[in-house]
Amino acid sequence: MQNIIKRHILEHQEVLNSIDLLSPAIEKIALLMIDALKKGKAIFWCGNGGSASDAQHLAAELVGRYVDDRRPLKSITLNADSAVMTCITNDFGYEHLFSRQVEGLGTEGDILVGITTSGNSQNVLNAFDIANKKQMITIGLLGKGGGKALSIVNESIVIKSNTTARVQEMHITVGHILCDLIEEGLNLKK
């Protein structure tokens, strides 16, 4: 058992150390988010499985608070409304789960953050396609080389790992950094 524990910790540390190389991309994405929020635009989040949980977590950090009490920010998770999700998947198919919502809710200048460890989740790819057509800003939190999403998003953070757990751990780390930068950039910290 100790070997498994050590392997996970060492792999986590190795992937975490590579995040420093992503600092310019993280900063650029934070500035896009700050600008959009200043203009009254929304940040939409989507993902499947663990990435769905990360999407909900990060949207909550912006609507609620990350560190300090402050005004709520316009941030919406597309994988949290069970009635909408079951309606769309039943009537149109799971691959349209997020794109249908982006089509109905998204406007030019809004941001769509798709979280996919493979970069190949069809429902996320379809959402990026619709968001691009609506002139939204598309951001991929990706792993495993970025997959198909890498070529269709405006900006991306690609975690250099093929292990889903490590990618997800880094996505939430990057997400927390973005939340901190947003609060700082909007001068919302006390």
N, C-alpha and C. Protein backbone atom coordinates (compact mmCIF):
# COMPACT_ATOMS: atom_id res chain seq x y z
N MET A 1 0.81 -1.19 0.00
CA MET A 1 0.00 0.00 0.00
C MET A 1 0.86 1.27 0.00
N GLN A 2 1.95 1.24 0.74
CA GLN A 2 2.82 2.42 0.82
C GLN A 2 3.39 2.80 -0.55
N ASN A 3 3.66 1.79 -1.37
CA ASN A 3 4.18 2.06 -2.71
C ASN A 3 3.16 2.82 -3.56
N ILE A 4 1.90 2.44 -3.43
CA ILE A 4 0.84 3.12 -4.19
C ILE A 4 0.70 4.57 -3.71
N ILE A 5 0.71 4.74 -2.40
CA ILE A 5 0.60 6.09 -1.84
C ILE A 5 1.75 6.96 -2.33
N LYS A 6 2.97 6.45 -2.23
CA LYS A 6 4.15 7.21 -2.66
C LYS A 6 4.09 7.53 -4.15
N ARG A 7 3.64 6.56 -4.95
CA ARG A 7 3.55 6.78 -6.40
C ARG A 7 2.60 7.94 -6.71
N HIS A 8 1.43 7.96 -6.06
CA HIS A 8 0.47 9.05 -6.28
C HIS A 8 1.05 10.40 -5.87
N ILE A 9 1.70 10.44 -4.72
CA ILE A 9 2.26 11.70 -4.23
C ILE A 9 3.37 12.20 -5.15
N LEU A 10 4.26 11.32 -5.56
CA LEU A 10 5.36 11.72 -6.44
C LEU A 10 4.85 12.18 -7.80
N GLU A 11 3.86 11.46 -8.34
CA GLU A 11 3.29 11.86 -9.63
C GLU A 11 2.60 13.21 -9.51
N HIS A 12 1.86 13.43 -8.43
CA HIS A 12 1.19 14.71 -8.20
C HIS A 12 2.22 15.84 -8.15
N GLN A 13 3.30 15.65 -7.39
CA GLN A 13 4.33 16.67 -7.26
C GLN A 13 4.99 16.98 -8.60
N GLU A 14 5.23 15.94 -9.40
CA GLU A 14 5.86 16.13 -10.70
C GLU A 14 4.97 16.97 -11.63
N VAL A 15 3.68 16.65 -11.66
CA VAL A 15 2.76 17.40 -12.52
C VAL A 15 2.57 18.82 -11.98
N LEU A 16 2.48 18.95 -10.67
CA LEU A 16 2.34 20.28 -10.05
C LEU A 16 3.52 21.17 -10.41
N ASN A 17 4.72 20.63 -10.40
CA ASN A 17 5.91 21.41 -10.74
C ASN A 17 5.87 21.92 -12.18
N SER A 18 5.17 21.23 -13.06
CA SER A 18 5.09 21.65 -14.47
C SER A 18 4.11 22.81 -14.68
N ILE A 19 3.27 23.08 -13.70
CA ILE A 19 2.26 24.14 -13.82
C ILE A 19 2.91 25.52 -13.93
N ASP A 20 4.06 25.68 -13.35
CA ASP A 20 4.75 26.96 -13.41
C ASP A 20 4.92 27.44 -14.85
N LEU A 21 5.11 26.50 -15.76
CA LEU A 21 5.26 26.85 -17.18
C LEU A 21 3.98 27.41 -17.77
N LEU A 22 2.87 27.20 -17.11
CA LEU A 22 1.56 27.66 -17.61
C LEU A 22 1.19 29.06 -17.11
N SER A 23 2.06 29.67 -16.32
CA SER A 23 1.76 30.98 -15.74
C SER A 23 1.31 32.03 -16.76
N PRO A 24 1.98 32.18 -17.91
CA PRO A 24 1.52 33.18 -18.89
C PRO A 24 0.09 32.89 -19.40
N ALA A 25 -0.21 31.63 -19.65
CA ALA A 25 -1.56 31.29 -20.12
C ALA A 25 -2.60 31.53 -19.04
N ILE A 26 -2.28 31.20 -17.80
CA ILE A 26 -3.20 31.44 -16.69
C ILE A 26 -3.48 32.93 -16.55
N GLU A 27 -2.43 33.74 -16.63
CA GLU A 27 -2.61 35.19 -16.52
C GLU A 27 -3.47 35.73 -17.66
N LYS A 28 -3.22 35.28 -18.87
CA LYS A 28 -4.00 35.74 -20.02
C LYS A 28 -5.48 35.39 -19.87
N ILE A 29 -5.76 34.17 -19.42
CA ILE A 29 -7.14 33.75 -19.22
C ILE A 29 -7.79 34.56 -18.10
N ALA A 30 -7.06 34.80 -17.02
CA ALA A 30 -7.60 35.61 -15.92
C ALA A 30 -7.97 37.01 -16.42
N LEU A 31 -7.11 37.61 -17.24
CA LEU A 31 -7.40 38.95 -17.76
C LEU A 31 -8.64 38.94 -18.66
N LEU A 32 -8.82 37.89 -19.45
CA LEU A 32 -10.03 37.77 -20.27
C LEU A 32 -11.28 37.67 -19.39
N MET A 33 -11.17 36.90 -18.33
CA MET A 33 -12.31 36.73 -17.41
C MET A 33 -12.63 38.04 -16.68
N ILE A 34 -11.61 38.72 -16.23
CA ILE A 34 -11.80 40.01 -15.54
C ILE A 34 -12.48 41.00 -16.47
N ASP A 35 -11.99 41.09 -17.69
CA ASP A 35 -12.57 42.01 -18.67
C ASP A 35 -14.03 41.68 -18.95
N ALA A 36 -14.32 40.40 -19.13
CA ALA A 36 -15.70 39.99 -19.41
C ALA A 36 -16.62 40.33 -18.23
N LEU A 37 -16.17 40.03 -17.03
CA LEU A 37 -16.99 40.33 -15.85
C LEU A 37 -17.20 41.82 -15.67
N LYS A 38 -16.18 42.62 -15.96
CA LYS A 38 -16.32 44.09 -15.88
C LYS A 38 -17.39 44.57 -16.86
N LYS A 39 -17.53 43.89 -17.98
CA LYS A 39 -18.51 44.27 -19.00
C LYS A 39 -19.89 43.65 -18.75
N GLY A 40 -20.07 42.99 -17.61
CA GLY A 40 -21.35 42.38 -17.29
C GLY A 40 -21.61 41.06 -17.99
N LYS A 41 -20.58 40.47 -18.53
CA LYS A 41 -20.71 39.19 -19.23
C LYS A 41 -20.65 38.05 -18.23
N ALA A 42 -21.02 36.86 -18.69
CA ALA A 42 -21.06 35.67 -17.83
C ALA A 42 -19.92 34.72 -18.17
N ILE A 43 -19.51 33.97 -17.16
CA ILE A 43 -18.60 32.85 -17.37
C ILE A 43 -19.41 31.57 -17.19
N PHE A 44 -19.51 30.79 -18.26
CA PHE A 44 -20.19 29.50 -18.24
C PHE A 44 -19.15 28.40 -18.08
N TRP A 45 -19.49 27.35 -17.36
CA TRP A 45 -18.59 26.23 -17.10
C TRP A 45 -19.31 24.94 -17.47
N CYS A 46 -18.57 23.96 -18.00
CA CYS A 46 -19.16 22.65 -18.24
C CYS A 46 -18.10 21.56 -18.21
N GLY A 47 -18.53 20.36 -17.90
CA GLY A 47 -17.65 19.20 -17.87
C GLY A 47 -18.46 17.97 -17.51
N ASN A 48 -17.84 16.83 -17.60
CA ASN A 48 -18.48 15.54 -17.31
C ASN A 48 -17.77 14.86 -16.14
N GLY A 49 -18.52 14.13 -15.32
CA GLY A 49 -17.92 13.38 -14.22
C GLY A 49 -17.21 14.28 -13.23
N GLY A 50 -15.93 13.98 -12.95
CA GLY A 50 -15.15 14.80 -12.04
C GLY A 50 -15.00 16.22 -12.54
N SER A 51 -14.94 16.38 -13.86
CA SER A 51 -14.84 17.73 -14.43
C SER A 51 -16.14 18.51 -14.24
N ALA A 52 -17.27 17.80 -14.17
CA ALA A 52 -18.54 18.46 -13.85
C ALA A 52 -18.50 19.00 -12.43
N SER A 53 -17.94 18.22 -11.53
CA SER A 53 -17.79 18.68 -10.14
C SER A 53 -16.88 19.90 -10.07
N ASP A 54 -15.79 19.86 -10.85
CA ASP A 54 -14.89 21.01 -10.87
C ASP A 54 -15.59 22.24 -11.44
N ALA A 55 -16.40 22.06 -12.47
CA ALA A 55 -17.15 23.18 -13.06
C ALA A 55 -18.07 23.80 -12.01
N GLN A 56 -18.79 22.97 -11.28
CA GLN A 56 -19.69 23.47 -10.24
C GLN A 56 -18.90 24.18 -9.14
N HIS A 57 -17.80 23.59 -8.73
CA HIS A 57 -16.96 24.14 -7.67
C HIS A 57 -16.47 25.54 -8.05
N LEU A 58 -15.94 25.68 -9.26
CA LEU A 58 -15.36 26.96 -9.66
C LEU A 58 -16.42 28.02 -9.90
N ALA A 59 -17.57 27.64 -10.45
CA ALA A 59 -18.66 28.61 -10.59
C ALA A 59 -19.11 29.10 -9.22
N ALA A 60 -19.16 28.18 -8.25
CA ALA A 60 -19.58 28.55 -6.90
C ALA A 60 -18.59 29.52 -6.25
N GLU A 61 -17.30 29.34 -6.53
CA GLU A 61 -16.29 30.25 -5.98
C GLU A 61 -16.54 31.68 -6.47
N LEU A 62 -17.04 31.82 -7.69
CA LEU A 62 -17.27 33.16 -8.25
C LEU A 62 -18.62 33.73 -7.83
N VAL A 63 -19.65 32.93 -7.80
CA VAL A 63 -20.96 33.43 -7.39
C VAL A 63 -20.99 33.68 -5.88
N GLY A 64 -20.41 32.76 -5.14
CA GLY A 64 -20.35 32.91 -3.68
C GLY A 64 -19.17 33.79 -3.31
N ARG A 65 -18.08 33.15 -2.98
CA ARG A 65 -16.83 33.87 -2.73
C ARG A 65 -15.70 32.88 -2.81
N TYR A 66 -14.55 33.41 -3.12
CA TYR A 66 -13.34 32.58 -3.09
C TYR A 66 -12.67 32.75 -1.74
N VAL A 67 -12.29 33.99 -1.40
CA VAL A 67 -11.65 34.25 -0.11
C VAL A 67 -12.48 35.23 0.72
N ASP A 68 -12.68 36.41 0.17
CA ASP A 68 -13.32 37.48 0.93
C ASP A 68 -14.78 37.64 0.55
N ASP A 69 -15.57 38.19 1.49
CA ASP A 69 -16.94 38.56 1.17
C ASP A 69 -16.89 39.67 0.13
N ARG A 70 -17.69 39.53 -0.90
CA ARG A 70 -17.73 40.52 -1.98
C ARG A 70 -18.99 40.27 -2.78
N ARG A 71 -19.24 41.14 -3.76
CA ARG A 71 -20.43 40.97 -4.59
C ARG A 71 -20.32 39.68 -5.39
N PRO A 72 -21.46 39.07 -5.70
CA PRO A 72 -21.43 37.85 -6.51
C PRO A 72 -21.07 38.18 -7.95
N LEU A 73 -20.41 37.24 -8.60
CA LEU A 73 -20.02 37.40 -10.00
C LEU A 73 -20.87 36.48 -10.87
N LYS A 74 -21.08 36.88 -12.10
CA LYS A 74 -21.96 36.15 -13.02
C LYS A 74 -21.24 34.90 -13.54
N SER A 75 -21.56 33.76 -12.96
CA SER A 75 -20.91 32.51 -13.29
C SER A 75 -21.94 31.38 -13.21
N ILE A 76 -22.03 30.58 -14.26
CA ILE A 76 -23.10 29.59 -14.39
C ILE A 76 -22.53 28.25 -14.80
N THR A 77 -22.96 27.19 -14.12
CA THR A 77 -22.57 25.83 -14.48
C THR A 77 -23.65 25.21 -15.36
N LEU A 78 -23.25 24.64 -16.48
CA LEU A 78 -24.21 24.04 -17.42
C LEU A 78 -24.50 22.58 -17.11
N ASN A 79 -23.88 22.04 -16.08
CA ASN A 79 -24.12 20.64 -15.73
C ASN A 79 -24.75 20.49 -14.34
N ALA A 80 -25.54 21.48 -13.93
CA ALA A 80 -26.08 21.42 -12.57
C ALA A 80 -27.61 21.38 -12.50
N ASP A 81 -28.30 21.73 -13.56
CA ASP A 81 -29.77 21.78 -13.54
C ASP A 81 -30.32 20.46 -14.07
N SER A 82 -30.79 19.61 -13.15
CA SER A 82 -31.20 18.26 -13.53
C SER A 82 -32.37 18.24 -14.51
N ALA A 83 -33.30 19.18 -14.40
CA ALA A 83 -34.44 19.21 -15.32
C ALA A 83 -33.97 19.55 -16.74
N VAL A 84 -33.11 20.56 -16.86
CA VAL A 84 -32.57 20.93 -18.17
C VAL A 84 -31.74 19.78 -18.73
N MET A 85 -30.90 19.19 -17.90
CA MET A 85 -30.02 18.11 -18.36
C MET A 85 -30.81 16.90 -18.85
N THR A 86 -31.82 16.49 -18.10
CA THR A 86 -32.59 15.30 -18.51
C THR A 86 -33.45 15.60 -19.72
N CYS A 87 -33.96 16.82 -19.81
CA CYS A 87 -34.75 17.22 -20.98
C CYS A 87 -33.91 17.16 -22.25
N ILE A 88 -32.76 17.81 -22.22
CA ILE A 88 -31.91 17.87 -23.41
C ILE A 88 -31.39 16.49 -23.78
N THR A 89 -30.91 15.73 -22.80
CA THR A 89 -30.37 14.41 -23.14
C THR A 89 -31.45 13.47 -23.65
N ASN A 90 -32.64 13.58 -23.11
CA ASN A 90 -33.75 12.73 -23.57
C ASN A 90 -34.22 13.13 -24.96
N ASP A 91 -34.39 14.42 -25.19
CA ASP A 91 -34.99 14.90 -26.44
C ASP A 91 -33.98 15.08 -27.57
N PHE A 92 -32.72 15.39 -27.25
CA PHE A 92 -31.75 15.71 -28.30
C PHE A 92 -30.50 14.83 -28.28
N GLY A 93 -30.19 14.23 -27.13
CA GLY A 93 -29.00 13.40 -27.01
C GLY A 93 -27.95 14.05 -26.14
N TYR A 94 -27.15 13.22 -25.47
CA TYR A 94 -26.17 13.72 -24.51
C TYR A 94 -25.13 14.62 -25.16
N GLU A 95 -24.85 14.38 -26.42
CA GLU A 95 -23.83 15.19 -27.10
C GLU A 95 -24.26 16.65 -27.27
N HIS A 96 -25.55 16.94 -27.06
CA HIS A 96 -26.06 18.31 -27.19
C HIS A 96 -26.34 18.97 -25.84
N LEU A 97 -25.96 18.29 -24.76
CA LEU A 97 -26.28 18.77 -23.41
C LEU A 97 -25.81 20.20 -23.17
N PHE A 98 -24.59 20.52 -23.53
CA PHE A 98 -24.05 21.85 -23.25
C PHE A 98 -24.29 22.82 -24.41
N SER A 99 -24.21 22.34 -25.62
CA SER A 99 -24.36 23.24 -26.78
C SER A 99 -25.76 23.85 -26.83
N ARG A 100 -26.75 23.10 -26.46
CA ARG A 100 -28.13 23.61 -26.46
C ARG A 100 -28.25 24.76 -25.45
N GLN A 101 -27.63 24.61 -24.29
CA GLN A 101 -27.68 25.66 -23.27
C GLN A 101 -26.88 26.89 -23.71
N VAL A 102 -25.72 26.67 -24.31
CA VAL A 102 -24.92 27.79 -24.80
C VAL A 102 -25.70 28.54 -25.87
N GLU A 103 -26.37 27.81 -26.73
CA GLU A 103 -27.16 28.45 -27.78
C GLU A 103 -28.27 29.32 -27.19
N GLY A 104 -28.90 28.84 -26.12
CA GLY A 104 -30.00 29.58 -25.52
C GLY A 104 -29.58 30.68 -24.57
N LEU A 105 -28.46 30.51 -23.88
CA LEU A 105 -28.07 31.44 -22.81
C LEU A 105 -26.89 32.33 -23.14
N GLY A 106 -26.00 31.87 -23.98
CA GLY A 106 -24.76 32.59 -24.24
C GLY A 106 -24.95 33.78 -25.16
N THR A 107 -24.13 34.82 -24.93
CA THR A 107 -24.13 35.99 -25.80
C THR A 107 -22.69 36.35 -26.15
N GLU A 108 -22.54 37.13 -27.17
CA GLU A 108 -21.22 37.57 -27.61
C GLU A 108 -20.46 38.19 -26.43
N GLY A 109 -19.23 37.78 -26.27
CA GLY A 109 -18.40 38.31 -25.19
C GLY A 109 -18.44 37.51 -23.91
N ASP A 110 -19.45 36.63 -23.76
CA ASP A 110 -19.45 35.72 -22.62
C ASP A 110 -18.28 34.75 -22.78
N ILE A 111 -17.98 34.05 -21.71
CA ILE A 111 -16.90 33.06 -21.73
C ILE A 111 -17.47 31.68 -21.46
N LEU A 112 -17.01 30.70 -22.23
CA LEU A 112 -17.32 29.30 -21.96
C LEU A 112 -16.03 28.59 -21.60
N VAL A 113 -16.00 28.02 -20.39
CA VAL A 113 -14.87 27.20 -19.96
C VAL A 113 -15.33 25.75 -20.00
N GLY A 114 -14.72 24.98 -20.89
CA GLY A 114 -14.99 23.55 -20.97
C GLY A 114 -13.86 22.80 -20.30
N ILE A 115 -14.22 21.93 -19.37
CA ILE A 115 -13.22 21.15 -18.64
C ILE A 115 -13.32 19.70 -19.11
N THR A 116 -12.26 19.23 -19.74
CA THR A 116 -12.25 17.85 -20.23
C THR A 116 -10.84 17.30 -20.15
N THR A 117 -10.65 16.24 -19.40
CA THR A 117 -9.31 15.70 -19.20
C THR A 117 -8.73 15.13 -20.48
N SER A 118 -9.58 14.67 -21.39
CA SER A 118 -9.10 14.11 -22.65
C SER A 118 -9.07 15.15 -23.76
N GLY A 119 -9.90 16.19 -23.62
CA GLY A 119 -10.05 17.16 -24.70
C GLY A 119 -10.94 16.65 -25.82
N ASN A 120 -11.59 15.52 -25.60
CA ASN A 120 -12.39 14.89 -26.65
C ASN A 120 -13.84 14.63 -26.28
N SER A 121 -14.34 15.21 -25.21
CA SER A 121 -15.74 15.00 -24.82
C SER A 121 -16.64 15.68 -25.84
N GLN A 122 -17.45 14.89 -26.53
CA GLN A 122 -18.22 15.43 -27.65
C GLN A 122 -19.18 16.53 -27.23
N ASN A 123 -19.79 16.40 -26.06
CA ASN A 123 -20.73 17.45 -25.64
C ASN A 123 -20.00 18.76 -25.34
N VAL A 124 -18.77 18.69 -24.87
CA VAL A 124 -17.98 19.90 -24.64
C VAL A 124 -17.52 20.48 -25.98
N LEU A 125 -17.09 19.63 -26.91
CA LEU A 125 -16.68 20.09 -28.23
C LEU A 125 -17.83 20.79 -28.95
N ASN A 126 -19.03 20.22 -28.85
CA ASN A 126 -20.20 20.85 -29.48
C ASN A 126 -20.51 22.21 -28.85
N ALA A 127 -20.32 22.30 -27.54
CA ALA A 127 -20.54 23.59 -26.86
C ALA A 127 -19.53 24.63 -27.33
N PHE A 128 -18.27 24.22 -27.48
CA PHE A 128 -17.25 25.14 -28.01
C PHE A 128 -17.63 25.62 -29.40
N ASP A 129 -18.12 24.71 -30.23
CA ASP A 129 -18.50 25.07 -31.60
C ASP A 129 -19.59 26.15 -31.60
N ILE A 130 -20.63 25.96 -30.82
CA ILE A 130 -21.73 26.94 -30.75
C ILE A 130 -21.21 28.26 -30.16
N ALA A 131 -20.41 28.17 -29.10
CA ALA A 131 -19.87 29.37 -28.46
C ALA A 131 -19.01 30.17 -29.45
N ASN A 132 -18.21 29.49 -30.23
CA ASN A 132 -17.39 30.18 -31.24
C ASN A 132 -18.28 30.88 -32.26
N LYS A 133 -19.35 30.23 -32.68
CA LYS A 133 -20.27 30.85 -33.64
C LYS A 133 -20.96 32.07 -33.05
N LYS A 134 -21.16 32.07 -31.74
CA LYS A 134 -21.81 33.21 -31.07
C LYS A 134 -20.78 34.28 -30.65
N GLN A 135 -19.54 34.09 -31.03
CA GLN A 135 -18.44 35.00 -30.71
C GLN A 135 -18.24 35.15 -29.20
N MET A 136 -18.41 34.03 -28.51
CA MET A 136 -18.03 33.94 -27.11
C MET A 136 -16.54 33.62 -27.06
N ILE A 137 -15.94 33.79 -25.91
CA ILE A 137 -14.54 33.41 -25.71
C ILE A 137 -14.54 31.98 -25.18
N THR A 138 -13.81 31.10 -25.86
CA THR A 138 -13.78 29.70 -25.47
C THR A 138 -12.45 29.36 -24.83
N ILE A 139 -12.54 28.70 -23.67
CA ILE A 139 -11.35 28.34 -22.90
C ILE A 139 -11.45 26.87 -22.54
N GLY A 140 -10.40 26.13 -22.83
CA GLY A 140 -10.35 24.72 -22.48
C GLY A 140 -9.39 24.47 -21.33
N LEU A 141 -9.89 23.82 -20.29
CA LEU A 141 -9.02 23.25 -19.26
C LEU A 141 -8.90 21.79 -19.66
N LEU A 142 -7.73 21.42 -20.17
CA LEU A 142 -7.56 20.15 -20.86
C LEU A 142 -6.43 19.34 -20.25
N GLY A 143 -6.30 18.11 -20.72
CA GLY A 143 -5.20 17.24 -20.34
C GLY A 143 -4.87 16.34 -21.51
N LYS A 144 -3.96 15.42 -21.29
CA LYS A 144 -3.63 14.39 -22.27
C LYS A 144 -3.34 14.95 -23.66
N GLY A 145 -2.63 16.05 -23.72
CA GLY A 145 -2.26 16.64 -25.00
C GLY A 145 -3.28 17.60 -25.57
N GLY A 146 -4.44 17.72 -24.96
CA GLY A 146 -5.44 18.69 -25.39
C GLY A 146 -6.54 18.14 -26.27
N GLY A 147 -6.30 17.02 -26.92
CA GLY A 147 -7.33 16.40 -27.76
C GLY A 147 -7.84 17.33 -28.84
N LYS A 148 -9.04 17.04 -29.32
CA LYS A 148 -9.68 17.82 -30.39
C LYS A 148 -9.98 19.25 -29.95
N ALA A 149 -10.21 19.44 -28.66
CA ALA A 149 -10.57 20.77 -28.15
C ALA A 149 -9.46 21.79 -28.37
N LEU A 150 -8.23 21.34 -28.33
CA LEU A 150 -7.10 22.25 -28.43
C LEU A 150 -7.16 23.12 -29.68
N SER A 151 -7.65 22.57 -30.78
CA SER A 151 -7.66 23.32 -32.04
C SER A 151 -8.90 24.19 -32.22
N ILE A 152 -9.88 24.09 -31.32
CA ILE A 152 -11.11 24.88 -31.52
C ILE A 152 -11.36 25.93 -30.44
N VAL A 153 -10.53 25.94 -29.38
CA VAL A 153 -10.73 26.94 -28.33
C VAL A 153 -9.85 28.16 -28.59
N ASN A 154 -10.27 29.30 -28.04
CA ASN A 154 -9.46 30.52 -28.14
C ASN A 154 -8.22 30.44 -27.26
N GLU A 155 -8.39 29.90 -26.06
CA GLU A 155 -7.29 29.78 -25.10
C GLU A 155 -7.39 28.44 -24.40
N SER A 156 -6.25 27.96 -23.93
CA SER A 156 -6.28 26.66 -23.24
C SER A 156 -5.20 26.57 -22.19
N ILE A 157 -5.47 25.70 -21.23
CA ILE A 157 -4.50 25.25 -20.24
C ILE A 157 -4.46 23.74 -20.43
N VAL A 158 -3.34 23.22 -20.86
CA VAL A 158 -3.20 21.79 -21.07
C VAL A 158 -2.26 21.24 -20.01
N ILE A 159 -2.78 20.38 -19.16
CA ILE A 159 -1.99 19.75 -18.11
C ILE A 159 -1.19 18.61 -18.73
N LYS A 160 0.08 18.61 -18.48
CA LYS A 160 0.99 17.62 -19.07
C LYS A 160 0.95 16.31 -18.27
N SER A 161 -0.14 15.58 -18.44
CA SER A 161 -0.27 14.28 -17.79
C SER A 161 -1.30 13.46 -18.55
N ASN A 162 -1.11 12.16 -18.54
CA ASN A 162 -2.10 11.24 -19.12
C ASN A 162 -2.92 10.56 -18.04
N THR A 163 -2.70 10.93 -16.79
CA THR A 163 -3.44 10.35 -15.68
C THR A 163 -4.60 11.28 -15.33
N THR A 164 -5.82 10.79 -15.47
CA THR A 164 -7.00 11.61 -15.25
C THR A 164 -6.99 12.28 -13.88
N ALA A 165 -6.65 11.55 -12.85
CA ALA A 165 -6.66 12.11 -11.49
C ALA A 165 -5.70 13.29 -11.38
N ARG A 166 -4.51 13.17 -11.97
CA ARG A 166 -3.54 14.27 -11.90
C ARG A 166 -4.04 15.48 -12.68
N VAL A 167 -4.64 15.26 -13.83
CA VAL A 167 -5.18 16.36 -14.63
C VAL A 167 -6.24 17.09 -13.84
N GLN A 168 -7.15 16.34 -13.22
CA GLN A 168 -8.23 16.96 -12.44
C GLN A 168 -7.68 17.73 -11.25
N GLU A 169 -6.66 17.20 -10.59
CA GLU A 169 -6.06 17.91 -9.46
C GLU A 169 -5.47 19.24 -9.91
N MET A 170 -4.87 19.26 -11.06
CA MET A 170 -4.27 20.51 -11.56
C MET A 170 -5.34 21.46 -12.08
N HIS A 171 -6.42 20.93 -12.65
CA HIS A 171 -7.51 21.81 -13.10
C HIS A 171 -8.08 22.59 -11.93
N ILE A 172 -8.27 21.95 -10.81
CA ILE A 172 -8.84 22.68 -9.67
C ILE A 172 -7.81 23.65 -9.10
N THR A 173 -6.53 23.31 -9.16
CA THR A 173 -5.49 24.25 -8.73
C THR A 173 -5.49 25.48 -9.63
N VAL A 174 -5.49 25.27 -10.94
CA VAL A 174 -5.54 26.38 -11.89
C VAL A 174 -6.82 27.19 -11.67
N GLY A 175 -7.94 26.51 -11.47
CA GLY A 175 -9.20 27.20 -11.24
C GLY A 175 -9.15 28.10 -10.01
N HIS A 176 -8.54 27.62 -8.95
CA HIS A 176 -8.41 28.44 -7.74
C HIS A 176 -7.50 29.64 -7.99
N ILE A 177 -6.45 29.45 -8.74
CA ILE A 177 -5.58 30.58 -9.08
C ILE A 177 -6.37 31.61 -9.88
N LEU A 178 -7.17 31.15 -10.84
CA LEU A 178 -7.99 32.08 -11.63
C LEU A 178 -8.96 32.85 -10.74
N CYS A 179 -9.59 32.17 -9.80
CA CYS A 179 -10.52 32.86 -8.89
C CYS A 179 -9.80 33.93 -8.07
N ASP A 180 -8.61 33.63 -7.60
CA ASP A 180 -7.83 34.60 -6.83
C ASP A 180 -7.47 35.79 -7.71
N LEU A 181 -7.02 35.53 -8.93
CA LEU A 181 -6.66 36.61 -9.85
C LEU A 181 -7.87 37.47 -10.22
N ILE A 182 -9.03 36.84 -10.36
CA ILE A 182 -10.25 37.58 -10.68
C ILE A 182 -10.61 38.51 -9.53
N GLU A 183 -10.62 37.99 -8.30
CA GLU A 183 -10.94 38.85 -7.16
C GLU A 183 -9.95 39.99 -7.04
N GLU A 184 -8.69 39.73 -7.26
CA GLU A 184 -7.67 40.78 -7.20
C GLU A 184 -7.87 41.78 -8.33
N GLY A 185 -8.09 41.26 -9.55
CA GLY A 185 -8.22 42.11 -10.72
C GLY A 185 -9.45 42.99 -10.73
N LEU A 186 -10.50 42.53 -10.07
CA LEU A 186 -11.72 43.34 -9.96
C LEU A 186 -11.71 44.20 -8.70
N ASN A 187 -10.59 44.19 -8.00
CA ASN A 187 -10.44 44.96 -6.75
C ASN A 187 -11.53 44.61 -5.75
N LEU A 188 -11.77 43.31 -5.59
CA LEU A 188 -12.82 42.86 -4.70
C LEU A 188 -12.29 42.38 -3.35
N LYS A 189 -10.97 42.33 -3.23
CA LYS A 189 -10.39 41.87 -1.97
C LYS A 189 -10.41 42.99 -0.94
N LYS A 190 -10.62 42.60 0.29
CA LYS A 190 -10.66 43.59 1.38
C LYS A 190 -9.26 43.98 1.78
